[in-house]
């Protein structure tokens, strides 16, 4: 290989290596989407209020909806009364 070919090869490799900009690691193109999120309630009580709308931002532990708590409150009161009665015997 002649000197001219060697110099041309080195110049070509130098341009290929040093001529390219490094990509930023924190750069991305596109969107992140979530089609549906399933909400699971611990009880099967009617919903009486919805606090957020589709597309709203929420934070951890924020109430998304309110369920009617009259029936569970009655069940709890009965259970506590039964416990107190049993303890009194």
C-alpha atoms as a PDB file:
ATOM      1  CA  UNK A   1       0.000   0.000   0.000  1.00  0.00           C
ATOM      2  CA  UNK A   2       1.427   3.367  -0.949  1.00  0.00           C
ATOM      3  CA  UNK A   3       1.839   6.315   1.405  1.00  0.00           C
ATOM      4  CA  UNK A   4      -0.952   8.156  -0.321  1.00  0.00           C
ATOM      5  CA  UNK A   5      -3.354   5.245   0.241  1.00  0.00           C
ATOM      6  CA  UNK A   6      -2.283   4.965   3.899  1.00  0.00           C
ATOM      7  CA  UNK A   7      -2.810   8.692   4.470  1.00  0.00           C
ATOM      8  CA  UNK A   8      -6.206   8.517   2.745  1.00  0.00           C
ATOM      9  CA  UNK A   9      -7.208   5.517   4.888  1.00  0.00           C
ATOM     10  CA  UNK A  10      -6.105   7.211   8.123  1.00  0.00           C
ATOM     11  CA  UNK A  11      -7.914  10.440   7.185  1.00  0.00           C
ATOM     12  CA  UNK A  12     -11.079   8.514   6.335  1.00  0.00           C
ATOM     13  CA  UNK A  13     -10.976   6.615   9.632  1.00  0.00           C
ATOM     14  CA  UNK A  14     -10.276   9.851  11.531  1.00  0.00           C
ATOM     15  CA  UNK A  15     -13.261  11.566   9.948  1.00  0.00           C
ATOM     16  CA  UNK A  16     -15.468   8.555  10.684  1.00  0.00           C
ATOM     17  CA  UNK A  17     -14.401   8.380  14.343  1.00  0.00           C
ATOM     18  CA  UNK A  18     -14.041  12.046  15.292  1.00  0.00           C
ATOM     19  CA  UNK A  19     -16.556  13.556  12.909  1.00  0.00           C
ATOM     20  CA  UNK A  20     -19.594  11.973  14.534  1.00  0.00           C
ATOM     21  CA  UNK A  21     -21.230  13.606  17.522  1.00  0.00           C
ATOM     22  CA  UNK A  22     -21.963  11.408  20.513  1.00  0.00           C
ATOM     23  CA  UNK A  23     -25.654  10.866  21.215  1.00  0.00           C
ATOM     24  CA  UNK A  24     -26.975  12.224  24.493  1.00  0.00           C
ATOM     25  CA  UNK A  25     -27.997   9.268  26.711  1.00  0.00           C
ATOM     26  CA  UNK A  26     -30.993  11.197  28.078  1.00  0.00           C
ATOM     27  CA  UNK A  27     -32.536  11.816  24.671  1.00  0.00           C
ATOM     28  CA  UNK A  28     -35.519   9.868  23.380  1.00  0.00           C
ATOM     29  CA  UNK A  29     -38.121  10.422  20.702  1.00  0.00           C
ATOM     30  CA  UNK A  30     -41.720   9.310  21.088  1.00  0.00           C
ATOM     31  CA  UNK A  31     -44.529   9.216  23.591  1.00  0.00           C
ATOM     32  CA  UNK A  32     -45.386   7.025  26.523  1.00  0.00           C
ATOM     33  CA  UNK A  33     -49.038   6.192  26.731  1.00  0.00           C
ATOM     34  CA  UNK A  34     -51.137   4.035  28.956  1.00  0.00           C
ATOM     35  CA  UNK A  35     -54.450   3.001  27.487  1.00  0.00           C
ATOM     36  CA  UNK A  36     -56.211   1.806  30.627  1.00  0.00           C
ATOM     37  CA  UNK A  37     -55.535   1.471  34.327  1.00  0.00           C
ATOM     38  CA  UNK A  38     -57.660  -0.946  36.334  1.00  0.00           C
ATOM     39  CA  UNK A  39     -58.897   0.310  39.705  1.00  0.00           C
ATOM     40  CA  UNK A  40     -59.817  -2.372  42.211  1.00  0.00           C
ATOM     41  CA  UNK A  41     -61.958  -1.451  45.211  1.00  0.00           C
ATOM     42  CA  UNK A  42     -61.791  -3.370  48.488  1.00  0.00           C
ATOM     43  CA  UNK A  43     -65.571  -3.160  48.831  1.00  0.00           C
ATOM     44  CA  UNK A  44     -68.510  -3.446  46.491  1.00  0.00           C
ATOM     45  CA  UNK A  45     -70.276  -0.259  47.601  1.00  0.00           C
ATOM     46  CA  UNK A  46     -71.889   2.292  45.284  1.00  0.00           C
ATOM     47  CA  UNK A  47     -69.728   5.198  44.084  1.00  0.00           C
ATOM     48  CA  UNK A  48     -71.155   8.519  45.312  1.00  0.00           C
ATOM     49  CA  UNK A  49     -68.468  10.917  43.966  1.00  0.00           C
ATOM     50  CA  UNK A  50     -65.627  10.883  41.431  1.00  0.00           C
ATOM     51  CA  UNK A  51     -62.852  13.342  42.295  1.00  0.00           C
ATOM     52  CA  UNK A  52     -60.831  13.261  39.061  1.00  0.00           C
ATOM     53  CA  UNK A  53     -61.509  13.328  35.359  1.00  0.00           C
ATOM     54  CA  UNK A  54     -59.791  11.475  32.531  1.00  0.00           C
ATOM     55  CA  UNK A  55     -56.412  13.060  31.815  1.00  0.00           C
ATOM     56  CA  UNK A  56     -56.051  14.699  35.267  1.00  0.00           C
ATOM     57  CA  UNK A  57     -52.731  14.319  37.050  1.00  0.00           C
ATOM     58  CA  UNK A  58     -52.904  12.595  40.430  1.00  0.00           C
ATOM     59  CA  UNK A  59     -50.463  12.018  43.268  1.00  0.00           C
ATOM     60  CA  UNK A  60     -49.954   9.006  45.509  1.00  0.00           C
ATOM     61  CA  UNK A  61     -52.700   8.460  48.103  1.00  0.00           C
ATOM     62  CA  UNK A  62     -55.058  10.950  46.423  1.00  0.00           C
ATOM     63  CA  UNK A  63     -58.717   9.893  46.610  1.00  0.00           C
ATOM     64  CA  UNK A  64     -59.985   9.166  43.112  1.00  0.00           C
ATOM     65  CA  UNK A  65     -63.545   8.380  44.139  1.00  0.00           C
ATOM     66  CA  UNK A  66     -65.721   8.121  47.225  1.00  0.00           C
ATOM     67  CA  UNK A  67     -67.866   5.089  47.987  1.00  0.00           C
ATOM     68  CA  UNK A  68     -71.006   5.013  50.120  1.00  0.00           C
ATOM     69  CA  UNK A  69     -69.883   3.861  53.574  1.00  0.00           C
ATOM     70  CA  UNK A  70     -73.274   3.561  55.340  1.00  0.00           C
ATOM     71  CA  UNK A  71     -73.565  -0.226  55.057  1.00  0.00           C
ATOM     72  CA  UNK A  72     -69.972  -0.995  56.169  1.00  0.00           C
ATOM     73  CA  UNK A  73     -70.404   1.475  59.068  1.00  0.00           C
ATOM     74  CA  UNK A  74     -73.540  -0.390  60.198  1.00  0.00           C
ATOM     75  CA  UNK A  75     -71.727  -3.742  59.936  1.00  0.00           C
ATOM     76  CA  UNK A  76     -68.813  -2.386  61.974  1.00  0.00           C
ATOM     77  CA  UNK A  77     -71.148  -0.989  64.645  1.00  0.00           C
ATOM     78  CA  UNK A  78     -72.904  -4.365  64.909  1.00  0.00           C
ATOM     79  CA  UNK A  79     -69.604  -6.229  65.146  1.00  0.00           C
ATOM     80  CA  UNK A  80     -68.373  -3.892  67.890  1.00  0.00           C
ATOM     81  CA  UNK A  81     -71.671  -4.271  69.787  1.00  0.00           C
ATOM     82  CA  UNK A  82     -71.436  -8.073  69.504  1.00  0.00           C
ATOM     83  CA  UNK A  83     -67.850  -7.932  70.785  1.00  0.00           C
ATOM     84  CA  UNK A  84     -68.830  -5.719  73.725  1.00  0.00           C
ATOM     85  CA  UNK A  85     -71.724  -8.043  74.550  1.00  0.00           C
ATOM     86  CA  UNK A  86     -69.435 -11.074  74.453  1.00  0.00           C
ATOM     87  CA  UNK A  87     -66.872  -9.349  76.696  1.00  0.00           C
ATOM     88  CA  UNK A  88     -69.593  -8.406  79.190  1.00  0.00           C
ATOM     89  CA  UNK A  89     -70.673 -12.024  79.690  1.00  0.00           C
END
